[in-house]
Amino acid sequence: MTASLEKAFVKASHLPKAVQEQLAEQMLEDIEGELEWDKTLANSQGLLEEMAQKARRAKRKGKTRRKGFDEL
């Protein structure tokens, strides 16, 4: 465990039990979300590579245009 996380737990331990429960639920949800995101990214590498290849082919064929973020 990092020093920062340990410090946060120590501070949280001084809060009322109800607030501690809310923090714990939020943390668990965040952790689950991170794990799901990691899993999604790991399982999508093939699709991302296909999309990148398609974009490179389109660029080589002159079928793409450069745009700024405000033009999307």
C-alpha atoms as a PDB file:
ATOM      1  CA  MET A   1       0.000   0.000   0.000  1.00  0.00           C
ATOM      2  CA  THR A   2       1.301   3.446  -0.805  1.00  0.00           C
ATOM      3  CA  ALA A   3       1.981   6.030   1.873  1.00  0.00           C
ATOM      4  CA  SER A   4      -0.715   8.305   0.438  1.00  0.00           C
ATOM      5  CA  LEU A   5      -3.373   5.597   0.553  1.00  0.00           C
ATOM      6  CA  GLU A   6      -2.376   4.658   4.071  1.00  0.00           C
ATOM      7  CA  LYS A   7      -2.610   8.320   5.114  1.00  0.00           C
ATOM      8  CA  ALA A   8      -6.087   8.552   3.555  1.00  0.00           C
ATOM      9  CA  PHE A   9      -7.227   5.459   5.467  1.00  0.00           C
ATOM     10  CA  VAL A  10      -5.930   6.873   8.744  1.00  0.00           C
ATOM     11  CA  LYS A  11      -7.785  10.138   8.158  1.00  0.00           C
ATOM     12  CA  ALA A  12     -10.927   8.299   7.099  1.00  0.00           C
ATOM     13  CA  SER A  13     -10.822   6.211  10.259  1.00  0.00           C
ATOM     14  CA  HIS A  14     -11.539   9.376  12.263  1.00  0.00           C
ATOM     15  CA  LEU A  15     -14.745  10.098  10.354  1.00  0.00           C
ATOM     16  CA  PRO A  16     -18.190   8.963  11.521  1.00  0.00           C
ATOM     17  CA  LYS A  17     -19.034   5.336  10.696  1.00  0.00           C
ATOM     18  CA  ALA A  18     -21.724   6.343   8.158  1.00  0.00           C
ATOM     19  CA  VAL A  19     -19.212   8.470   6.229  1.00  0.00           C
ATOM     20  CA  GLN A  20     -16.658   5.646   6.376  1.00  0.00           C
ATOM     21  CA  GLU A  21     -19.246   3.312   4.860  1.00  0.00           C
ATOM     22  CA  GLN A  22     -19.958   5.774   2.050  1.00  0.00           C
ATOM     23  CA  LEU A  23     -16.252   6.163   1.323  1.00  0.00           C
ATOM     24  CA  ALA A  24     -15.781   2.398   1.310  1.00  0.00           C
ATOM     25  CA  GLU A  25     -18.671   1.897  -1.112  1.00  0.00           C
ATOM     26  CA  GLN A  26     -17.319   4.606  -3.418  1.00  0.00           C
ATOM     27  CA  MET A  27     -13.835   3.120  -3.342  1.00  0.00           C
ATOM     28  CA  LEU A  28     -15.095  -0.379  -4.074  1.00  0.00           C
ATOM     29  CA  GLU A  29     -17.148   0.924  -7.000  1.00  0.00           C
ATOM     30  CA  ASP A  30     -14.122   2.822  -8.326  1.00  0.00           C
ATOM     31  CA  ILE A  31     -11.892  -0.232  -7.989  1.00  0.00           C
ATOM     32  CA  GLU A  32     -14.451  -2.422  -9.756  1.00  0.00           C
ATOM     33  CA  GLY A  33     -14.714   0.175 -12.521  1.00  0.00           C
ATOM     34  CA  GLU A  34     -10.939   0.236 -12.951  1.00  0.00           C
ATOM     35  CA  LEU A  35     -10.799  -3.557 -13.144  1.00  0.00           C
ATOM     36  CA  GLU A  36     -13.600  -3.601 -15.725  1.00  0.00           C
ATOM     37  CA  TRP A  37     -11.878  -0.900 -17.760  1.00  0.00           C
ATOM     38  CA  ASP A  38      -8.595  -2.836 -17.713  1.00  0.00           C
ATOM     39  CA  LYS A  39     -10.453  -5.971 -18.821  1.00  0.00           C
ATOM     40  CA  THR A  40     -12.246  -4.080 -21.608  1.00  0.00           C
ATOM     41  CA  LEU A  41      -8.999  -2.627 -22.918  1.00  0.00           C
ATOM     42  CA  ALA A  42      -7.237  -5.968 -22.753  1.00  0.00           C
ATOM     43  CA  ASN A  43     -10.044  -7.654 -24.682  1.00  0.00           C
ATOM     44  CA  SER A  44     -10.258  -4.961 -27.347  1.00  0.00           C
ATOM     45  CA  GLN A  45      -6.664  -4.872 -28.567  1.00  0.00           C
ATOM     46  CA  GLY A  46      -7.513  -6.843 -31.698  1.00  0.00           C
ATOM     47  CA  LEU A  47     -10.384  -4.536 -32.574  1.00  0.00           C
ATOM     48  CA  LEU A  48      -8.281  -1.446 -31.902  1.00  0.00           C
ATOM     49  CA  GLU A  49      -5.544  -2.772 -34.191  1.00  0.00           C
ATOM     50  CA  GLU A  50      -8.090  -3.444 -36.953  1.00  0.00           C
ATOM     51  CA  MET A  51      -9.456   0.083 -36.598  1.00  0.00           C
ATOM     52  CA  ALA A  52      -5.939   1.543 -36.750  1.00  0.00           C
ATOM     53  CA  GLN A  53      -5.148  -0.449 -39.892  1.00  0.00           C
ATOM     54  CA  LYS A  54      -8.402   0.708 -41.499  1.00  0.00           C
ATOM     55  CA  ALA A  55      -7.558   4.335 -40.668  1.00  0.00           C
ATOM     56  CA  ARG A  56      -4.055   3.964 -42.121  1.00  0.00           C
ATOM     57  CA  ARG A  57      -5.483   2.458 -45.340  1.00  0.00           C
ATOM     58  CA  ALA A  58      -7.996   5.290 -45.624  1.00  0.00           C
ATOM     59  CA  LYS A  59      -5.222   7.850 -45.155  1.00  0.00           C
ATOM     60  CA  ARG A  60      -3.047   6.196 -47.816  1.00  0.00           C
ATOM     61  CA  LYS A  61      -6.010   6.325 -50.229  1.00  0.00           C
ATOM     62  CA  GLY A  62      -6.548  10.019 -49.489  1.00  0.00           C
ATOM     63  CA  LYS A  63      -9.944   9.430 -47.894  1.00  0.00           C
ATOM     64  CA  THR A  64      -9.191  11.359 -44.705  1.00  0.00           C
ATOM     65  CA  ARG A  65      -9.159  15.036 -43.812  1.00  0.00           C
ATOM     66  CA  ARG A  66      -7.335  16.820 -41.012  1.00  0.00           C
ATOM     67  CA  LYS A  67      -9.719  18.476 -38.552  1.00  0.00           C
ATOM     68  CA  GLY A  68      -9.395  20.236 -35.238  1.00  0.00           C
ATOM     69  CA  PHE A  69     -11.364  19.293 -32.162  1.00  0.00           C
ATOM     70  CA  ASP A  70     -13.813  22.136 -32.709  1.00  0.00           C
ATOM     71  CA  GLU A  71     -14.639  20.770 -36.174  1.00  0.00           C
ATOM     72  CA  LEU A  72     -15.631  17.260 -35.158  1.00  0.00           C
END
